[in-house]
Amino acid sequence: PVDPADFGPPAAAVLAAGGESEAACRIVNVSGPEAYSCEEIAAMMSEVFGYTVELVSPPLDAAIQNMRETGTPEHIVNFIEALVPFMIDGAIAEPYPDVQELTGRRSTLRAWLERHRDAFV
């Protein structure tokens, strides 16, 4: 998982490097510093929120249909529809150090959940 606040600082660091420096010409993999299974995320959410978060894994087609029927904006539906197959295949399971290398910052999923706890309880 990626803290949304971790998208801007690496981009700024790359742009600030400027020109054709190694930093400016690299591909930046924006990811959190740790990889988790969905089960591990549900367990962590349960710990932080103080109630049981149950993992429910409906078929992707059913989830997409439900999102559309309940008014989820189409751009979010399209994003989820494109992202989930990569998650299922494990293609985005590897954490990358790029954010920390470029910014000196290491934001964890637990820290994000703790900062936003009130939105979930």
N, C-alpha and C. Protein backbone atom coordinates (compact mmCIF):
# COMPACT_ATOMS: atom_id res chain seq x y z
N PRO A 1 0.83 -1.20 0.00
CA PRO A 1 0.00 0.00 0.00
C PRO A 1 0.86 1.25 0.00
N VAL A 2 0.34 2.27 -0.61
CA VAL A 2 1.06 3.53 -0.73
C VAL A 2 0.29 4.63 -0.02
N ASP A 3 0.97 5.38 0.82
CA ASP A 3 0.38 6.56 1.43
C ASP A 3 0.22 7.60 0.32
N PRO A 4 -1.00 8.15 0.12
CA PRO A 4 -1.18 9.15 -0.94
C PRO A 4 -0.20 10.32 -0.84
N ALA A 5 0.23 10.62 0.37
CA ALA A 5 1.20 11.70 0.55
C ALA A 5 2.58 11.36 -0.02
N ASP A 6 2.79 10.09 -0.38
CA ASP A 6 4.08 9.67 -0.92
C ASP A 6 4.19 9.81 -2.43
N PHE A 7 3.18 10.31 -3.09
CA PHE A 7 3.27 10.48 -4.54
C PHE A 7 3.97 11.78 -4.94
N GLY A 8 3.65 12.86 -4.30
CA GLY A 8 4.21 14.16 -4.67
C GLY A 8 5.70 14.33 -4.39
N PRO A 9 6.16 14.03 -3.17
CA PRO A 9 7.57 14.25 -2.85
C PRO A 9 8.57 13.54 -3.77
N PRO A 10 8.34 12.27 -4.16
CA PRO A 10 9.30 11.67 -5.09
C PRO A 10 9.29 12.36 -6.46
N ALA A 11 8.09 12.76 -6.91
CA ALA A 11 8.02 13.47 -8.19
C ALA A 11 8.77 14.79 -8.10
N ALA A 12 8.61 15.49 -6.99
CA ALA A 12 9.32 16.75 -6.80
C ALA A 12 10.83 16.54 -6.77
N ALA A 13 11.27 15.47 -6.10
CA ALA A 13 12.70 15.18 -6.03
C ALA A 13 13.28 14.91 -7.41
N VAL A 14 12.54 14.16 -8.24
CA VAL A 14 13.00 13.86 -9.59
C VAL A 14 13.05 15.13 -10.42
N LEU A 15 12.00 15.94 -10.33
CA LEU A 15 11.97 17.20 -11.09
C LEU A 15 13.05 18.15 -10.63
N ALA A 16 13.30 18.20 -9.33
CA ALA A 16 14.33 19.09 -8.79
C ALA A 16 15.72 18.67 -9.24
N ALA A 17 15.91 17.38 -9.49
CA ALA A 17 17.21 16.90 -9.95
C ALA A 17 17.54 17.48 -11.31
N GLY A 18 16.51 17.66 -12.12
CA GLY A 18 16.64 18.35 -13.41
C GLY A 18 17.59 17.71 -14.40
N GLY A 19 17.49 18.24 -15.60
CA GLY A 19 18.40 17.84 -16.67
C GLY A 19 18.38 16.37 -16.96
N GLU A 20 19.56 15.86 -17.21
CA GLU A 20 19.69 14.45 -17.56
C GLU A 20 20.45 13.69 -16.49
N SER A 21 20.31 14.15 -15.25
CA SER A 21 20.96 13.45 -14.14
C SER A 21 20.34 12.07 -13.98
N GLU A 22 21.05 11.21 -13.29
CA GLU A 22 20.54 9.86 -13.06
C GLU A 22 19.19 9.89 -12.36
N ALA A 23 19.03 10.78 -11.38
CA ALA A 23 17.77 10.88 -10.63
C ALA A 23 16.62 11.33 -11.52
N ALA A 24 16.91 12.23 -12.46
CA ALA A 24 15.85 12.77 -13.32
C ALA A 24 15.45 11.79 -14.42
N CYS A 25 16.30 10.85 -14.74
CA CYS A 25 16.03 9.94 -15.85
C CYS A 25 15.61 8.54 -15.40
N ARG A 26 15.30 8.38 -14.16
CA ARG A 26 14.98 7.05 -13.66
C ARG A 26 13.48 6.80 -13.60
N ILE A 27 13.10 5.57 -13.59
CA ILE A 27 11.72 5.18 -13.34
C ILE A 27 11.58 5.06 -11.83
N VAL A 28 10.57 5.72 -11.29
CA VAL A 28 10.34 5.68 -9.86
C VAL A 28 9.18 4.74 -9.56
N ASN A 29 9.45 3.72 -8.79
CA ASN A 29 8.41 2.80 -8.35
C ASN A 29 7.86 3.30 -7.03
N VAL A 30 6.63 3.77 -7.05
CA VAL A 30 6.02 4.30 -5.85
C VAL A 30 5.25 3.18 -5.16
N SER A 31 5.77 2.78 -4.04
CA SER A 31 5.11 1.74 -3.25
C SER A 31 5.39 2.01 -1.79
N GLY A 32 4.64 1.34 -0.95
CA GLY A 32 4.94 1.41 0.46
C GLY A 32 6.20 0.61 0.73
N PRO A 33 6.77 0.76 1.92
CA PRO A 33 8.01 0.06 2.24
C PRO A 33 7.83 -1.41 2.60
N GLU A 34 6.57 -1.84 2.71
CA GLU A 34 6.30 -3.21 3.11
C GLU A 34 5.21 -3.80 2.23
N ALA A 35 5.26 -5.10 2.01
CA ALA A 35 4.22 -5.80 1.26
C ALA A 35 3.34 -6.56 2.24
N TYR A 36 2.05 -6.57 1.97
CA TYR A 36 1.09 -7.26 2.84
C TYR A 36 0.13 -8.07 1.99
N SER A 37 -0.34 -9.16 2.57
CA SER A 37 -1.46 -9.89 1.96
C SER A 37 -2.74 -9.17 2.38
N CYS A 38 -3.82 -9.45 1.70
CA CYS A 38 -5.11 -8.85 2.08
C CYS A 38 -5.48 -9.27 3.50
N GLU A 39 -5.18 -10.50 3.85
CA GLU A 39 -5.47 -10.99 5.20
C GLU A 39 -4.69 -10.20 6.24
N GLU A 40 -3.43 -9.91 5.95
CA GLU A 40 -2.61 -9.13 6.89
C GLU A 40 -3.14 -7.71 7.03
N ILE A 41 -3.61 -7.13 5.94
CA ILE A 41 -4.17 -5.78 6.01
C ILE A 41 -5.44 -5.77 6.86
N ALA A 42 -6.32 -6.75 6.66
CA ALA A 42 -7.54 -6.83 7.46
C ALA A 42 -7.21 -7.00 8.95
N ALA A 43 -6.21 -7.81 9.26
CA ALA A 43 -5.81 -8.01 10.66
C ALA A 43 -5.25 -6.72 11.25
N MET A 44 -4.45 -5.99 10.48
CA MET A 44 -3.88 -4.74 10.96
C MET A 44 -4.98 -3.70 11.17
N MET A 45 -5.93 -3.64 10.23
CA MET A 45 -7.06 -2.71 10.38
C MET A 45 -7.85 -3.06 11.65
N SER A 46 -8.06 -4.33 11.90
CA SER A 46 -8.78 -4.76 13.10
C SER A 46 -8.06 -4.28 14.36
N GLU A 47 -6.74 -4.43 14.39
CA GLU A 47 -5.96 -3.98 15.56
C GLU A 47 -6.07 -2.48 15.77
N VAL A 48 -5.91 -1.71 14.69
CA VAL A 48 -5.89 -0.26 14.80
C VAL A 48 -7.28 0.30 15.09
N PHE A 49 -8.31 -0.27 14.47
CA PHE A 49 -9.66 0.27 14.62
C PHE A 49 -10.38 -0.24 15.85
N GLY A 50 -9.92 -1.36 16.41
CA GLY A 50 -10.54 -1.87 17.60
C GLY A 50 -11.79 -2.70 17.36
N TYR A 51 -12.01 -3.11 16.14
CA TYR A 51 -13.10 -4.02 15.81
C TYR A 51 -12.64 -4.92 14.68
N THR A 52 -13.36 -6.03 14.49
CA THR A 52 -12.94 -7.00 13.49
C THR A 52 -13.27 -6.53 12.09
N VAL A 53 -12.26 -6.50 11.24
CA VAL A 53 -12.45 -6.19 9.83
C VAL A 53 -12.36 -7.53 9.10
N GLU A 54 -13.46 -7.90 8.48
CA GLU A 54 -13.53 -9.18 7.79
C GLU A 54 -13.18 -9.01 6.32
N LEU A 55 -12.32 -9.85 5.84
CA LEU A 55 -11.95 -9.85 4.43
C LEU A 55 -13.02 -10.58 3.63
N VAL A 56 -13.61 -9.89 2.67
CA VAL A 56 -14.59 -10.49 1.77
C VAL A 56 -14.05 -10.33 0.36
N SER A 57 -13.97 -11.41 -0.37
CA SER A 57 -13.41 -11.38 -1.71
C SER A 57 -14.43 -11.84 -2.75
N PRO A 58 -15.33 -10.94 -3.16
CA PRO A 58 -16.28 -11.33 -4.20
C PRO A 58 -15.57 -11.44 -5.55
N PRO A 59 -16.16 -12.15 -6.49
CA PRO A 59 -15.58 -12.16 -7.83
C PRO A 59 -15.49 -10.73 -8.37
N LEU A 60 -14.44 -10.45 -9.11
CA LEU A 60 -14.21 -9.09 -9.60
C LEU A 60 -15.42 -8.57 -10.39
N ASP A 61 -16.01 -9.38 -11.25
CA ASP A 61 -17.16 -8.92 -12.03
C ASP A 61 -18.31 -8.48 -11.14
N ALA A 62 -18.56 -9.24 -10.07
CA ALA A 62 -19.64 -8.89 -9.15
C ALA A 62 -19.32 -7.60 -8.40
N ALA A 63 -18.07 -7.44 -8.00
CA ALA A 63 -17.67 -6.22 -7.29
C ALA A 63 -17.80 -5.00 -8.19
N ILE A 64 -17.38 -5.13 -9.44
CA ILE A 64 -17.48 -4.02 -10.40
C ILE A 64 -18.95 -3.66 -10.63
N GLN A 65 -19.78 -4.66 -10.81
CA GLN A 65 -21.21 -4.41 -11.02
C GLN A 65 -21.81 -3.70 -9.81
N ASN A 66 -21.46 -4.15 -8.61
CA ASN A 66 -21.97 -3.52 -7.40
C ASN A 66 -21.51 -2.07 -7.29
N MET A 67 -20.25 -1.81 -7.63
CA MET A 67 -19.75 -0.44 -7.56
C MET A 67 -20.53 0.46 -8.52
N ARG A 68 -20.80 -0.02 -9.70
CA ARG A 68 -21.56 0.78 -10.67
C ARG A 68 -22.99 1.01 -10.18
N GLU A 69 -23.60 -0.03 -9.65
CA GLU A 69 -24.98 0.07 -9.18
C GLU A 69 -25.12 0.99 -7.98
N THR A 70 -24.07 1.13 -7.20
CA THR A 70 -24.13 1.98 -6.01
C THR A 70 -23.56 3.38 -6.24
N GLY A 71 -23.25 3.69 -7.50
CA GLY A 71 -22.86 5.05 -7.84
C GLY A 71 -21.40 5.40 -7.69
N THR A 72 -20.54 4.41 -7.61
CA THR A 72 -19.11 4.69 -7.56
C THR A 72 -18.72 5.39 -8.87
N PRO A 73 -17.98 6.50 -8.78
CA PRO A 73 -17.56 7.20 -10.00
C PRO A 73 -16.85 6.25 -10.98
N GLU A 74 -17.15 6.40 -12.25
CA GLU A 74 -16.64 5.48 -13.28
C GLU A 74 -15.11 5.43 -13.32
N HIS A 75 -14.45 6.56 -13.08
CA HIS A 75 -12.98 6.54 -13.12
C HIS A 75 -12.41 5.66 -12.00
N ILE A 76 -13.10 5.59 -10.87
CA ILE A 76 -12.64 4.73 -9.78
C ILE A 76 -12.93 3.28 -10.12
N VAL A 77 -14.11 3.02 -10.69
CA VAL A 77 -14.45 1.65 -11.12
C VAL A 77 -13.41 1.15 -12.12
N ASN A 78 -13.07 1.98 -13.09
CA ASN A 78 -12.09 1.59 -14.11
C ASN A 78 -10.72 1.33 -13.49
N PHE A 79 -10.34 2.15 -12.53
CA PHE A 79 -9.06 1.97 -11.85
C PHE A 79 -9.03 0.64 -11.11
N ILE A 80 -10.08 0.36 -10.34
CA ILE A 80 -10.15 -0.90 -9.58
C ILE A 80 -10.16 -2.09 -10.53
N GLU A 81 -10.92 -1.98 -11.61
CA GLU A 81 -11.03 -3.07 -12.58
C GLU A 81 -9.67 -3.38 -13.22
N ALA A 82 -8.86 -2.34 -13.42
CA ALA A 82 -7.53 -2.53 -14.01
C ALA A 82 -6.50 -2.99 -12.97
N LEU A 83 -6.64 -2.53 -11.73
CA LEU A 83 -5.64 -2.80 -10.71
C LEU A 83 -5.75 -4.20 -10.09
N VAL A 84 -6.97 -4.63 -9.81
CA VAL A 84 -7.16 -5.88 -9.07
C VAL A 84 -6.49 -7.09 -9.73
N PRO A 85 -6.58 -7.26 -11.05
CA PRO A 85 -5.87 -8.43 -11.63
C PRO A 85 -4.37 -8.43 -11.34
N PHE A 86 -3.75 -7.25 -11.31
CA PHE A 86 -2.33 -7.19 -10.97
C PHE A 86 -2.10 -7.61 -9.53
N MET A 87 -3.00 -7.20 -8.65
CA MET A 87 -2.89 -7.57 -7.24
C MET A 87 -3.05 -9.08 -7.06
N ILE A 88 -4.04 -9.65 -7.74
CA ILE A 88 -4.30 -11.08 -7.63
C ILE A 88 -3.11 -11.89 -8.13
N ASP A 89 -2.49 -11.43 -9.21
CA ASP A 89 -1.34 -12.12 -9.78
C ASP A 89 -0.05 -11.89 -9.01
N GLY A 90 -0.09 -10.99 -8.03
CA GLY A 90 1.11 -10.69 -7.25
C GLY A 90 2.08 -9.78 -7.96
N ALA A 91 1.64 -9.14 -9.04
CA ALA A 91 2.54 -8.31 -9.84
C ALA A 91 2.95 -7.03 -9.11
N ILE A 92 2.20 -6.62 -8.12
CA ILE A 92 2.55 -5.40 -7.40
C ILE A 92 2.83 -5.68 -5.92
N ALA A 93 3.23 -6.89 -5.63
CA ALA A 93 3.46 -7.29 -4.24
C ALA A 93 4.82 -6.85 -3.70
N GLU A 94 5.75 -6.56 -4.58
CA GLU A 94 7.10 -6.23 -4.14
C GLU A 94 7.20 -4.77 -3.70
N PRO A 95 7.67 -4.53 -2.48
CA PRO A 95 7.88 -3.14 -2.07
C PRO A 95 9.18 -2.61 -2.68
N TYR A 96 9.19 -1.34 -2.99
CA TYR A 96 10.37 -0.71 -3.57
C TYR A 96 10.88 0.38 -2.63
N PRO A 97 12.17 0.62 -2.60
CA PRO A 97 12.74 1.62 -1.70
C PRO A 97 12.77 3.04 -2.30
N ASP A 98 12.23 3.23 -3.50
CA ASP A 98 12.40 4.50 -4.21
C ASP A 98 11.92 5.72 -3.43
N VAL A 99 10.74 5.64 -2.81
CA VAL A 99 10.22 6.80 -2.08
C VAL A 99 11.16 7.19 -0.97
N GLN A 100 11.62 6.21 -0.20
CA GLN A 100 12.53 6.50 0.90
C GLN A 100 13.87 7.03 0.39
N GLU A 101 14.37 6.46 -0.69
CA GLU A 101 15.65 6.92 -1.25
C GLU A 101 15.57 8.36 -1.73
N LEU A 102 14.46 8.73 -2.34
CA LEU A 102 14.32 10.08 -2.90
C LEU A 102 13.94 11.13 -1.87
N THR A 103 13.23 10.73 -0.83
CA THR A 103 12.68 11.71 0.10
C THR A 103 13.20 11.58 1.53
N GLY A 104 13.80 10.44 1.85
CA GLY A 104 14.22 10.20 3.22
C GLY A 104 13.04 9.85 4.11
N ARG A 105 11.89 9.66 3.54
CA ARG A 105 10.66 9.41 4.28
C ARG A 105 10.24 7.95 4.14
N ARG A 106 9.75 7.38 5.23
CA ARG A 106 9.29 5.99 5.21
C ARG A 106 7.93 5.94 5.88
N SER A 107 6.88 6.01 5.12
CA SER A 107 5.53 5.98 5.65
C SER A 107 4.99 4.56 5.57
N THR A 108 4.46 4.06 6.67
CA THR A 108 3.95 2.69 6.70
C THR A 108 2.43 2.68 6.66
N LEU A 109 1.88 1.53 6.29
CA LEU A 109 0.44 1.37 6.29
C LEU A 109 -0.13 1.58 7.68
N ARG A 110 0.52 1.01 8.70
CA ARG A 110 0.03 1.17 10.07
C ARG A 110 -0.03 2.65 10.46
N ALA A 111 0.99 3.41 10.11
CA ALA A 111 1.00 4.85 10.43
C ALA A 111 -0.16 5.56 9.75
N TRP A 112 -0.41 5.21 8.48
CA TRP A 112 -1.52 5.83 7.75
C TRP A 112 -2.86 5.46 8.40
N LEU A 113 -3.04 4.19 8.74
CA LEU A 113 -4.28 3.75 9.39
C LEU A 113 -4.47 4.47 10.72
N GLU A 114 -3.41 4.62 11.48
CA GLU A 114 -3.51 5.31 12.77
C GLU A 114 -3.86 6.78 12.58
N ARG A 115 -3.27 7.43 11.57
CA ARG A 115 -3.58 8.85 11.31
C ARG A 115 -5.04 9.05 10.87
N HIS A 116 -5.60 8.06 10.18
CA HIS A 116 -6.95 8.19 9.63
C HIS A 116 -7.98 7.33 10.36
N ARG A 117 -7.63 6.87 11.53
CA ARG A 117 -8.50 5.98 12.31
C ARG A 117 -9.91 6.53 12.46
N ASP A 118 -10.03 7.80 12.76
CA ASP A 118 -11.35 8.40 13.00
C ASP A 118 -12.29 8.30 11.81
N ALA A 119 -11.76 8.19 10.62
CA ALA A 119 -12.60 8.07 9.43
C ALA A 119 -13.22 6.67 9.34
N PHE A 120 -12.67 5.72 10.07
CA PHE A 120 -13.13 4.33 10.00
C PHE A 120 -13.91 3.87 11.22
N VAL A 121 -13.86 4.63 12.30
CA VAL A 121 -14.57 4.19 13.52
C VAL A 121 -15.75 5.08 13.84
